[in-house]
Amino acid sequence: MHPLRHPRNALAVGAMFVLVSAGFLLFAEPLGYGIDFAGVTMLFALGIAMALMAYVLIAGSPRE
């Protein structure tokens, strides 16, 4: 059985990283931390890459 029922659900995998980067961007200043824009950019890029790879791996796996 596939870990994700439909390949389009792979977007949820990448959306988690994008939401973490948005949360870091929005809540870093109020919590007293400096915003590291390189970290936000890398988390955003990681979200896109994770969604793409999850889609490729799930769409290419045999259906049982």
N, C-alpha and C. Protein backbone atom coordinates (compact mmCIF):
# COMPACT_ATOMS: atom_id res chain seq x y z
N MET A 1 0.85 -1.19 0.00
CA MET A 1 0.00 0.00 0.00
C MET A 1 0.89 1.24 0.00
N HIS A 2 0.48 2.24 -0.72
CA HIS A 2 1.25 3.47 -0.85
C HIS A 2 1.14 4.32 0.41
N PRO A 3 2.20 5.03 0.77
CA PRO A 3 2.11 5.92 1.94
C PRO A 3 1.13 7.07 1.72
N LEU A 4 1.00 7.51 0.50
CA LEU A 4 0.01 8.53 0.16
C LEU A 4 -0.94 7.93 -0.87
N ARG A 5 -2.22 8.05 -0.64
CA ARG A 5 -3.19 7.40 -1.50
C ARG A 5 -3.16 7.98 -2.92
N HIS A 6 -3.02 9.28 -3.08
CA HIS A 6 -3.01 9.92 -4.39
C HIS A 6 -1.73 10.74 -4.53
N PRO A 7 -1.14 10.77 -5.72
CA PRO A 7 0.08 11.56 -5.91
C PRO A 7 -0.12 13.05 -5.63
N ARG A 8 -1.34 13.57 -5.81
CA ARG A 8 -1.54 14.99 -5.54
C ARG A 8 -1.41 15.33 -4.07
N ASN A 9 -1.50 14.32 -3.20
CA ASN A 9 -1.31 14.56 -1.77
C ASN A 9 0.15 14.82 -1.44
N ALA A 10 1.03 14.65 -2.41
CA ALA A 10 2.45 14.96 -2.20
C ALA A 10 2.64 16.45 -1.95
N LEU A 11 1.70 17.26 -2.40
CA LEU A 11 1.78 18.69 -2.11
C LEU A 11 1.75 18.96 -0.61
N ALA A 12 1.06 18.13 0.14
CA ALA A 12 1.00 18.31 1.60
C ALA A 12 2.37 18.13 2.23
N VAL A 13 3.18 17.25 1.67
CA VAL A 13 4.54 17.04 2.19
C VAL A 13 5.35 18.33 2.04
N GLY A 14 5.31 18.93 0.87
CA GLY A 14 6.04 20.17 0.64
C GLY A 14 5.43 21.36 1.35
N ALA A 15 4.11 21.35 1.50
CA ALA A 15 3.44 22.47 2.16
C ALA A 15 3.85 22.58 3.62
N MET A 16 4.19 21.46 4.24
CA MET A 16 4.64 21.52 5.64
C MET A 16 5.90 22.36 5.77
N PHE A 17 6.85 22.17 4.87
CA PHE A 17 8.09 22.94 4.93
C PHE A 17 7.85 24.41 4.59
N VAL A 18 6.97 24.67 3.64
CA VAL A 18 6.65 26.05 3.28
C VAL A 18 5.96 26.75 4.46
N LEU A 19 5.08 26.04 5.16
CA LEU A 19 4.42 26.62 6.33
C LEU A 19 5.40 26.87 7.47
N VAL A 20 6.35 25.99 7.64
CA VAL A 20 7.38 26.21 8.67
C VAL A 20 8.21 27.44 8.34
N SER A 21 8.57 27.61 7.07
CA SER A 21 9.35 28.78 6.69
C SER A 21 8.54 30.06 6.86
N ALA A 22 7.25 30.02 6.53
CA ALA A 22 6.40 31.20 6.72
C ALA A 22 6.23 31.51 8.21
N GLY A 23 6.07 30.47 9.01
CA GLY A 23 5.96 30.69 10.46
C GLY A 23 7.23 31.25 11.04
N PHE A 24 8.37 30.77 10.58
CA PHE A 24 9.65 31.31 11.04
C PHE A 24 9.78 32.77 10.65
N LEU A 25 9.38 33.11 9.43
CA LEU A 25 9.47 34.49 8.97
C LEU A 25 8.56 35.41 9.77
N LEU A 26 7.35 34.93 10.07
CA LEU A 26 6.37 35.78 10.77
C LEU A 26 6.61 35.88 12.27
N PHE A 27 7.08 34.81 12.90
CA PHE A 27 7.15 34.79 14.36
C PHE A 27 8.54 34.97 14.92
N ALA A 28 9.56 35.12 14.09
CA ALA A 28 10.93 35.26 14.60
C ALA A 28 11.09 36.59 15.34
N GLU A 29 10.66 37.67 14.75
CA GLU A 29 10.81 38.99 15.37
C GLU A 29 10.01 39.12 16.67
N PRO A 30 8.73 38.75 16.71
CA PRO A 30 7.99 38.88 17.97
C PRO A 30 8.55 38.02 19.10
N LEU A 31 9.19 36.91 18.78
CA LEU A 31 9.76 36.04 19.80
C LEU A 31 11.18 36.44 20.18
N GLY A 32 11.70 37.50 19.58
CA GLY A 32 13.00 38.01 19.96
C GLY A 32 14.17 37.44 19.19
N TYR A 33 13.93 36.75 18.10
CA TYR A 33 15.00 36.18 17.28
C TYR A 33 15.21 37.04 16.05
N GLY A 34 16.39 37.02 15.51
CA GLY A 34 16.65 37.71 14.25
C GLY A 34 16.17 36.85 13.10
N ILE A 35 15.70 37.50 12.06
CA ILE A 35 15.23 36.76 10.88
C ILE A 35 16.43 36.44 10.00
N ASP A 36 16.60 35.18 9.72
CA ASP A 36 17.64 34.72 8.81
C ASP A 36 16.98 34.45 7.47
N PHE A 37 17.10 35.41 6.55
CA PHE A 37 16.41 35.28 5.27
C PHE A 37 16.96 34.13 4.43
N ALA A 38 18.22 33.80 4.62
CA ALA A 38 18.77 32.65 3.90
C ALA A 38 18.10 31.36 4.38
N GLY A 39 17.85 31.25 5.68
CA GLY A 39 17.18 30.08 6.21
C GLY A 39 15.75 29.97 5.72
N VAL A 40 15.06 31.10 5.67
CA VAL A 40 13.68 31.10 5.17
C VAL A 40 13.65 30.68 3.70
N THR A 41 14.59 31.20 2.92
CA THR A 41 14.66 30.85 1.50
C THR A 41 14.96 29.37 1.32
N MET A 42 15.88 28.84 2.11
CA MET A 42 16.24 27.43 1.97
C MET A 42 15.10 26.52 2.41
N LEU A 43 14.36 26.88 3.46
CA LEU A 43 13.21 26.07 3.86
C LEU A 43 12.13 26.09 2.78
N PHE A 44 11.93 27.24 2.16
CA PHE A 44 10.96 27.35 1.08
C PHE A 44 11.37 26.47 -0.10
N ALA A 45 12.66 26.53 -0.46
CA ALA A 45 13.15 25.70 -1.57
C ALA A 45 13.08 24.22 -1.21
N LEU A 46 13.35 23.89 0.06
CA LEU A 46 13.25 22.50 0.50
C LEU A 46 11.82 22.00 0.39
N GLY A 47 10.85 22.84 0.70
CA GLY A 47 9.45 22.46 0.56
C GLY A 47 9.08 22.13 -0.88
N ILE A 48 9.55 22.95 -1.80
CA ILE A 48 9.28 22.70 -3.21
C ILE A 48 9.94 21.40 -3.65
N ALA A 49 11.19 21.19 -3.24
CA ALA A 49 11.92 19.99 -3.63
C ALA A 49 11.29 18.74 -3.02
N MET A 50 10.85 18.81 -1.77
CA MET A 50 10.23 17.64 -1.12
C MET A 50 8.91 17.28 -1.80
N ALA A 51 8.12 18.29 -2.16
CA ALA A 51 6.85 18.01 -2.84
C ALA A 51 7.10 17.37 -4.20
N LEU A 52 8.09 17.87 -4.93
CA LEU A 52 8.40 17.31 -6.24
C LEU A 52 8.90 15.87 -6.12
N MET A 53 9.80 15.62 -5.20
CA MET A 53 10.33 14.27 -5.05
C MET A 53 9.27 13.30 -4.53
N ALA A 54 8.42 13.74 -3.61
CA ALA A 54 7.35 12.86 -3.13
C ALA A 54 6.42 12.50 -4.28
N TYR A 55 6.11 13.46 -5.13
CA TYR A 55 5.25 13.18 -6.28
C TYR A 55 5.91 12.18 -7.23
N VAL A 56 7.18 12.39 -7.52
CA VAL A 56 7.89 11.51 -8.45
C VAL A 56 7.97 10.09 -7.90
N LEU A 57 8.30 9.96 -6.62
CA LEU A 57 8.44 8.63 -6.03
C LEU A 57 7.11 7.89 -5.94
N ILE A 58 6.06 8.61 -5.61
CA ILE A 58 4.75 7.96 -5.45
C ILE A 58 4.12 7.67 -6.81
N ALA A 59 4.25 8.61 -7.74
CA ALA A 59 3.66 8.40 -9.07
C ALA A 59 4.38 7.29 -9.83
N GLY A 60 5.67 7.10 -9.57
CA GLY A 60 6.43 6.09 -10.28
C GLY A 60 6.43 4.72 -9.63
N SER A 61 5.87 4.61 -8.43
CA SER A 61 5.88 3.32 -7.77
C SER A 61 4.74 2.44 -8.31
N PRO A 62 4.94 1.12 -8.34
CA PRO A 62 3.89 0.26 -8.87
C PRO A 62 2.67 0.24 -7.95
N ARG A 63 1.52 0.15 -8.54
CA ARG A 63 0.27 0.11 -7.77
C ARG A 63 -0.06 -1.35 -7.43
N GLU A 64 -0.31 -1.61 -6.17
CA GLU A 64 -0.62 -2.99 -5.75
C GLU A 64 -1.99 -3.04 -5.12
